[in-house]
Amino acid sequence: MWNTELRQAPSSMYGRISAQEPPSGTEAETRKEQKLRECIRRHRVFWKAWPELAVWGSERRQVGFRLGLFGTHDRPSKSPIAGCPECWKVYRCLHDLAFWILPADEEESELHISVYDASLLYNGERREILVTIKITHRNGFDWSACEARCLADMEEMLLRLGAPQNQWKEQGVLQ
């Protein structure tokens, strides 16, 4: 299940802040980045990367990468239930973040953002929603430096926005 919404999202959803006079590119970027930083903090977002594997004949082969964005309810009034309205808010936050970090000029790689599947992952006491970005080569069954560069660029953007790798960290303490 992969969303084919790769690089052409409606401007009303991602680029424009208001219907009145649109802000300059830098101002809109800054506002969007501030909104994403707040989303990362509120939903305690972190990320992980792992190889994308496929079977070719009788062997498993790496064909690219997956980048997973994990988030949770900000202050649930009760224990999270898969598919609840709060889960949808977390998913929208993660999806917006995933869309924002996609490289705009990548032509050799294929990038797919996962769709909402209304499930929760259990990570100790934490209940998480996951959005993944699948990074594979557009032509062929192997991955190349292009896919590694895409992954590195997205990881750099996530770190710049304040999303930690592998586990949520709050004020130097693992959570």
Foldseek 3Di string as FASTA:
>chain_A
DWDQPAQDDPCVLAQAPDPPDGDDRVVSVVVNLVVLLVLCVQFLKAKEKDFDWDDDPHDIAGFFMKMKIKTAQRDDPDPDAFPDPSQVVNVSSVVNLVNVQQDNPQDFKDKTKHDFPRAWDDDPPTTIGMIMITIGTPDDRHHDVSRVVRVVSSVVVCVVSPHHYPARDDPNHTD
